Amino acid sequence: MTSLVQRFPYRLIATDLDGTLLRRDETISQRTRDALIAAQAAGAEHIVATGRSVAWTRHILDDLGYRGLAVCGQGAQLYHAGEHRLLTSVTLDRALARAVVERLEKVVGPIALAANRDGLDGDVMMDGRFRPAVGSGFSGEANPYPADAPDRSALFAEPIIKLYIHLPGMADDDLADAARAAVGDLVNIVVSGLGLVEVLPLGLTKATGLSLAARRLGVTAAETIAFGDMPNDIAMLSWAAHGVAMAGAHADVRAVADEITAGNDDDGIAVILERLLSAADPAT
């Protein structure tokens, strides 16, 4: 990497976490850390935009030494890492959520269901059918009911930001398509990872949360570069002036990206940032 950088070509760098900034072991390489530090020194802001709720994101941000804004919960939560404070939060209407589940189950049959509670410490409540995929990032889950219990009242006992749905034997993309056909007029449906099909407030995306954060920073979409790997990143990559898909990203993400970089285990973010930093350095 060059030692003297005059100006980074983007004022905002938005990065997804899982499959993008984080390696498979949920760490961030020193090379990527250095590239982000150099880009920030050259005038760019870095914002994490993740599907994880604040409760699942804080420890990663603290480890990174991250002090700025973070978009969490697919855009539902705007979090100030330096102040450990939740600035804004969008919740999913619980009566609507119940109606969505009922309508969907009439179409596809009994689904496995989990609810992500709102707040700094919002945990995930799961019904007995729900089994999180390995590496999904779930922690501290609670299963209040056995698999055959019809009552799911504990899942809706407190404000929630989203639902997770799963149907054994049905691929994530197929379940998402079926859900959009059945309830897409009421809520937003996204695939965020293996075994993670999410139900969000209608119109809510990472781009929604990122645009809110950008306004607070006085930055526009035209000044933003964004990195992601799953369909829940498509809105964010499309919103940004330059969208970058990671190697191995979902086919739908690759289709909308402006370019494809190396994988998250191969410093894909650093590859792009180093190239941009080098191009901005008058000594090169």
Protein backbone atom coordinates (compact mmCIF):
# COMPACT_ATOMS: atom_id res chain seq x y z
CA MET A 1 0.00 0.00 0.00
CA THR A 2 1.23 3.49 -0.74
CA SER A 3 2.26 5.78 2.08
CA LEU A 4 0.83 9.08 0.88
CA VAL A 5 -2.80 9.43 -0.21
CA GLN A 6 -4.38 12.75 -1.15
CA ARG A 7 -8.03 11.88 -1.60
CA PHE A 8 -10.14 8.73 -1.65
CA PRO A 9 -12.64 8.77 -4.57
CA TYR A 10 -15.64 7.96 -2.34
CA ARG A 11 -16.74 9.70 0.83
CA LEU A 12 -18.55 6.64 2.19
CA ILE A 13 -17.61 2.94 2.29
CA ALA A 14 -20.51 0.67 3.25
CA THR A 15 -19.71 -2.95 4.09
CA ASP A 16 -21.87 -5.91 4.95
CA LEU A 17 -20.47 -8.10 7.73
CA ASP A 18 -21.05 -11.84 7.23
CA GLY A 19 -19.52 -13.13 4.01
CA THR A 20 -18.08 -9.70 3.26
CA LEU A 21 -16.07 -7.88 5.93
CA LEU A 22 -15.88 -10.90 8.23
CA ARG A 23 -13.92 -13.99 7.35
CA ARG A 24 -15.48 -17.40 7.95
CA ASP A 25 -14.07 -17.42 11.48
CA GLU A 26 -15.83 -14.07 12.12
CA THR A 27 -12.56 -12.14 12.30
CA ILE A 28 -11.33 -9.23 10.19
CA SER A 29 -7.90 -9.53 8.64
CA GLN A 30 -5.18 -7.04 9.41
CA ARG A 31 -4.88 -6.25 5.73
CA THR A 32 -8.54 -5.24 5.55
CA ARG A 33 -8.27 -3.25 8.78
CA ASP A 34 -5.28 -1.37 7.37
CA ALA A 35 -7.06 -0.65 4.10
CA LEU A 36 -10.07 0.77 5.91
CA ILE A 37 -7.87 2.89 8.16
CA ALA A 38 -6.01 4.25 5.12
CA ALA A 39 -9.26 5.04 3.30
CA GLN A 40 -10.57 6.86 6.35
CA ALA A 41 -7.34 8.83 6.62
CA ALA A 42 -7.91 9.80 2.99
CA GLY A 43 -11.34 11.24 3.73
CA ALA A 44 -13.81 8.35 3.61
CA GLU A 45 -16.29 7.29 6.28
CA HIS A 46 -16.83 3.59 6.92
CA ILE A 47 -20.29 2.30 7.79
CA VAL A 48 -21.16 -1.29 8.62
CA ALA A 49 -24.54 -2.27 7.19
CA THR A 50 -25.60 -5.68 8.44
CA GLY A 51 -28.62 -7.89 8.75
CA ARG A 52 -27.54 -8.67 12.30
CA SER A 53 -29.35 -6.83 15.05
CA VAL A 54 -27.38 -4.46 17.29
CA ALA A 55 -27.18 -7.17 19.94
CA TRP A 56 -25.32 -9.45 17.51
CA THR A 57 -23.15 -6.68 16.10
CA ARG A 58 -21.80 -4.74 19.06
CA HIS A 59 -19.00 -7.13 19.98
CA ILE A 60 -17.69 -7.13 16.40
CA LEU A 61 -17.70 -3.35 16.23
CA ASP A 62 -15.97 -3.09 19.59
CA ASP A 63 -13.28 -5.53 18.45
CA LEU A 64 -12.78 -3.49 15.28
CA GLY A 65 -12.42 -0.29 17.29
CA TYR A 66 -15.39 1.03 15.34
CA ARG A 67 -16.74 4.31 16.74
CA GLY A 68 -19.18 5.55 14.12
CA LEU A 69 -22.67 4.75 12.90
CA ALA A 70 -23.79 1.23 12.01
CA VAL A 71 -26.88 0.11 10.13
CA CYS A 72 -28.22 -3.05 11.76
CA GLY A 73 -31.22 -5.36 11.44
CA GLN A 74 -31.48 -4.96 7.62
CA GLY A 75 -31.87 -1.20 8.05
CA ALA A 76 -34.25 -1.33 11.02
CA GLN A 77 -31.72 -0.02 13.55
CA LEU A 78 -29.25 2.85 13.39
CA TYR A 79 -26.63 2.42 16.09
CA HIS A 80 -23.89 4.74 17.33
CA ALA A 81 -21.01 2.44 18.22
CA GLY A 82 -18.91 5.07 19.96
CA GLU A 83 -21.76 6.01 22.27
CA HIS A 84 -23.21 2.49 22.51
CA ARG A 85 -26.58 4.04 21.74
CA LEU A 86 -29.50 3.04 19.53
CA LEU A 87 -30.41 6.16 17.56
CA THR A 88 -33.42 4.97 15.57
CA SER A 89 -35.41 1.78 15.31
CA VAL A 90 -38.17 0.55 13.01
CA THR A 91 -40.29 -2.29 14.35
CA LEU A 92 -42.52 -4.81 12.62
CA ASP A 93 -46.15 -4.46 13.65
CA ARG A 94 -46.86 -7.58 15.67
CA ALA A 95 -50.50 -7.94 14.66
CA LEU A 96 -49.42 -7.69 11.04
CA ALA A 97 -46.63 -10.20 11.65
CA ARG A 98 -49.10 -12.71 13.04
CA ALA A 99 -51.40 -12.21 10.04
CA VAL A 100 -48.47 -12.66 7.66
CA VAL A 101 -47.50 -15.96 9.29
CA GLU A 102 -51.08 -17.23 9.14
CA ARG A 103 -51.47 -16.32 5.48
CA LEU A 104 -48.14 -17.83 4.53
CA GLU A 105 -48.82 -21.09 6.37
CA LYS A 106 -52.08 -21.48 4.47
CA VAL A 107 -49.97 -21.57 1.31
CA VAL A 108 -46.82 -23.53 2.26
CA GLY A 109 -47.83 -25.35 5.43
CA PRO A 110 -46.33 -25.10 8.94
CA ILE A 111 -43.15 -23.03 8.97
CA ALA A 112 -40.36 -22.73 11.50
CA LEU A 113 -40.48 -19.27 13.02
CA ALA A 114 -38.21 -16.97 15.02
CA ALA A 115 -38.68 -13.37 16.13
CA ASN A 116 -35.88 -10.84 16.64
CA ARG A 117 -36.73 -8.51 19.50
CA ASP A 118 -35.99 -4.80 19.34
CA GLY A 119 -33.49 -2.93 21.52
CA LEU A 120 -29.79 -2.93 22.33
CA ASP A 121 -30.07 -6.39 23.88
CA GLY A 122 -32.87 -7.74 21.72
CA ASP A 123 -32.62 -11.53 21.65
CA VAL A 124 -34.17 -14.03 19.27
CA MET A 125 -37.13 -16.13 20.33
CA MET A 126 -37.76 -19.30 18.31
CA ASP A 127 -40.56 -21.78 18.10
CA GLY A 128 -39.71 -25.43 18.51
CA ARG A 129 -39.46 -26.04 14.77
CA PHE A 130 -36.76 -23.46 14.17
CA ARG A 131 -33.21 -24.75 13.86
CA PRO A 132 -30.65 -22.08 12.96
CA ALA A 133 -28.15 -22.98 10.26
CA VAL A 134 -24.56 -23.55 11.30
CA GLY A 135 -22.69 -20.26 11.14
CA SER A 136 -25.87 -18.20 10.98
CA GLY A 137 -24.68 -15.94 13.80
CA PHE A 138 -27.52 -16.88 16.14
CA SER A 139 -26.59 -16.73 19.81
CA GLY A 140 -28.55 -16.75 23.02
CA GLU A 141 -31.61 -18.18 21.30
CA ALA A 142 -34.61 -19.36 23.25
CA ASN A 143 -37.12 -22.02 22.24
CA PRO A 144 -40.21 -21.32 24.34
CA TYR A 145 -42.36 -24.09 22.86
CA PRO A 146 -42.00 -27.66 21.60
CA ALA A 147 -42.27 -28.22 17.87
CA ASP A 148 -45.93 -29.23 17.94
CA ALA A 149 -47.18 -26.37 20.14
CA PRO A 150 -49.64 -24.14 18.25
CA ASP A 151 -49.24 -21.15 20.61
CA ARG A 152 -46.44 -18.74 19.65
CA SER A 153 -47.47 -15.86 21.91
CA ALA A 154 -44.02 -15.51 23.51
CA LEU A 155 -42.54 -14.67 20.10
CA PHE A 156 -44.80 -11.63 19.88
CA ALA A 157 -44.77 -10.59 23.54
CA GLU A 158 -42.35 -7.68 22.97
CA PRO A 159 -41.59 -5.30 20.07
CA ILE A 160 -39.76 -7.03 17.20
CA ILE A 161 -37.74 -5.80 14.25
CA LYS A 162 -38.16 -8.86 12.03
CA LEU A 163 -39.09 -12.53 11.70
CA TYR A 164 -37.02 -15.43 10.45
CA ILE A 165 -38.85 -18.18 8.59
CA HIS A 166 -37.69 -21.61 7.49
CA LEU A 167 -39.36 -24.60 5.87
CA PRO A 168 -37.41 -27.87 5.99
CA GLY A 169 -37.11 -29.36 2.53
CA MET A 170 -37.61 -26.03 0.74
CA ALA A 171 -34.66 -24.01 -0.54
CA ASP A 172 -34.27 -20.49 0.84
CA ASP A 173 -34.81 -18.81 -2.52
CA ASP A 174 -37.92 -20.90 -3.17
CA LEU A 175 -39.36 -20.07 0.25
CA ALA A 176 -38.63 -16.38 -0.29
CA ASP A 177 -40.39 -16.49 -3.67
CA ALA A 178 -43.40 -18.24 -2.15
CA ALA A 179 -43.52 -15.73 0.69
CA ARG A 180 -43.36 -12.77 -1.69
CA ALA A 181 -46.22 -14.21 -3.70
CA ALA A 182 -48.31 -14.80 -0.58
CA VAL A 183 -47.53 -11.78 1.61
CA GLY A 184 -45.30 -9.46 -0.45
CA ASP A 185 -48.00 -6.81 -0.39
CA LEU A 186 -47.71 -6.60 3.39
CA VAL A 187 -44.02 -7.06 4.20
CA ASN A 188 -40.58 -7.19 2.65
CA ILE A 189 -38.94 -10.62 2.23
CA VAL A 190 -35.17 -11.09 1.91
CA VAL A 191 -32.65 -13.94 1.94
CA SER A 192 -29.71 -12.97 4.13
CA GLY A 193 -27.78 -16.22 4.51
CA LEU A 194 -28.02 -19.98 4.69
CA GLY A 195 -31.34 -20.86 6.31
CA LEU A 196 -32.13 -17.18 6.84
CA VAL A 197 -35.24 -15.91 5.09
CA GLU A 198 -36.38 -12.73 6.79
CA VAL A 199 -39.69 -10.90 7.08
CA LEU A 200 -39.27 -7.12 7.41
CA PRO A 201 -41.50 -4.05 7.51
CA LEU A 202 -42.71 -3.20 4.02
CA GLY A 203 -40.19 -1.04 2.16
CA LEU A 204 -37.39 -1.57 4.67
CA THR A 205 -33.96 -2.46 3.23
CA LYS A 206 -30.33 -1.85 4.04
CA ALA A 207 -30.52 1.03 1.59
CA THR A 208 -33.21 2.64 3.76
CA GLY A 209 -30.99 2.56 6.83
CA LEU A 210 -27.87 3.49 4.90
CA SER A 211 -29.53 6.53 3.33
CA LEU A 212 -30.59 7.68 6.81
CA ALA A 213 -27.05 7.28 8.11
CA ALA A 214 -25.61 9.01 5.05
CA ARG A 215 -27.86 12.02 5.57
CA ARG A 216 -26.58 12.35 9.12
CA LEU A 217 -23.04 12.35 7.72
CA GLY A 218 -23.83 14.74 4.90
CA VAL A 219 -22.99 12.12 2.27
CA THR A 220 -24.98 11.04 -0.80
CA ALA A 221 -25.42 7.79 -2.70
CA ALA A 222 -23.31 9.26 -5.50
CA GLU A 223 -20.38 9.39 -3.07
CA THR A 224 -20.74 5.82 -1.82
CA ILE A 225 -19.10 2.46 -2.57
CA ALA A 226 -20.79 -0.61 -1.08
CA PHE A 227 -19.76 -4.25 -0.61
CA GLY A 228 -22.03 -7.27 -0.12
CA ASP A 229 -22.69 -10.92 -0.90
CA MET A 230 -26.35 -11.88 -0.30
CA PRO A 231 -29.72 -10.78 -1.73
CA ASN A 232 -30.36 -8.58 1.31
CA ASP A 233 -27.42 -6.47 0.04
CA ILE A 234 -28.91 -5.84 -3.42
CA ALA A 235 -30.78 -2.67 -2.45
CA MET A 236 -27.65 -1.26 -0.82
CA LEU A 237 -25.41 -2.07 -3.79
CA SER A 238 -27.97 -0.61 -6.15
CA TRP A 239 -28.31 2.56 -4.05
CA ALA A 240 -24.56 3.21 -3.98
CA ALA A 241 -22.69 4.76 -6.88
CA HIS A 242 -20.52 1.64 -7.06
CA GLY A 243 -21.65 -1.78 -5.85
CA VAL A 244 -19.12 -4.56 -5.31
CA ALA A 245 -20.03 -8.24 -4.94
CA MET A 246 -17.73 -10.65 -3.16
CA ALA A 247 -16.48 -13.73 -4.97
CA GLY A 248 -18.94 -16.50 -4.25
CA ALA A 249 -21.78 -14.02 -3.77
CA HIS A 250 -25.33 -15.05 -4.53
CA ALA A 251 -26.05 -15.01 -8.28
CA ASP A 252 -28.62 -12.23 -7.88
CA VAL A 253 -26.03 -10.04 -6.18
CA ARG A 254 -23.43 -10.70 -8.85
CA ALA A 255 -25.97 -9.73 -11.48
CA VAL A 256 -26.49 -6.22 -10.10
CA ALA A 257 -22.92 -5.48 -8.97
CA ASP A 258 -20.67 -3.08 -10.84
CA GLU A 259 -17.74 -5.39 -10.20
CA ILE A 260 -16.78 -8.56 -8.37
CA THR A 261 -13.84 -8.76 -6.00
CA ALA A 262 -12.06 -11.56 -4.16
CA GLY A 263 -13.83 -13.48 -1.41
CA ASN A 264 -14.12 -12.46 2.22
CA ASP A 265 -11.39 -14.92 3.19
CA ASP A 266 -9.11 -13.40 0.55
CA ASP A 267 -9.34 -9.74 1.57
CA GLY A 268 -11.80 -8.81 -1.17
CA ILE A 269 -12.59 -5.44 0.39
CA ALA A 270 -8.90 -4.60 0.80
CA VAL A 271 -8.23 -5.51 -2.85
CA ILE A 272 -10.63 -2.79 -4.02
CA LEU A 273 -9.70 -0.18 -1.42
CA GLU A 274 -5.97 -0.60 -2.07
CA ARG A 275 -6.55 -0.14 -5.79
CA LEU A 276 -8.56 3.03 -5.21
CA LEU A 277 -6.02 4.36 -2.73
CA SER A 278 -3.20 3.71 -5.17
CA ALA A 279 -5.05 5.50 -7.96
CA ALA A 280 -5.65 8.48 -5.69
CA ASP A 281 -1.97 8.78 -4.69
CA PRO A 282 -0.12 11.28 -6.87
CA ALA A 283 3.15 9.49 -6.11
CA THR A 284 2.04 6.38 -8.03
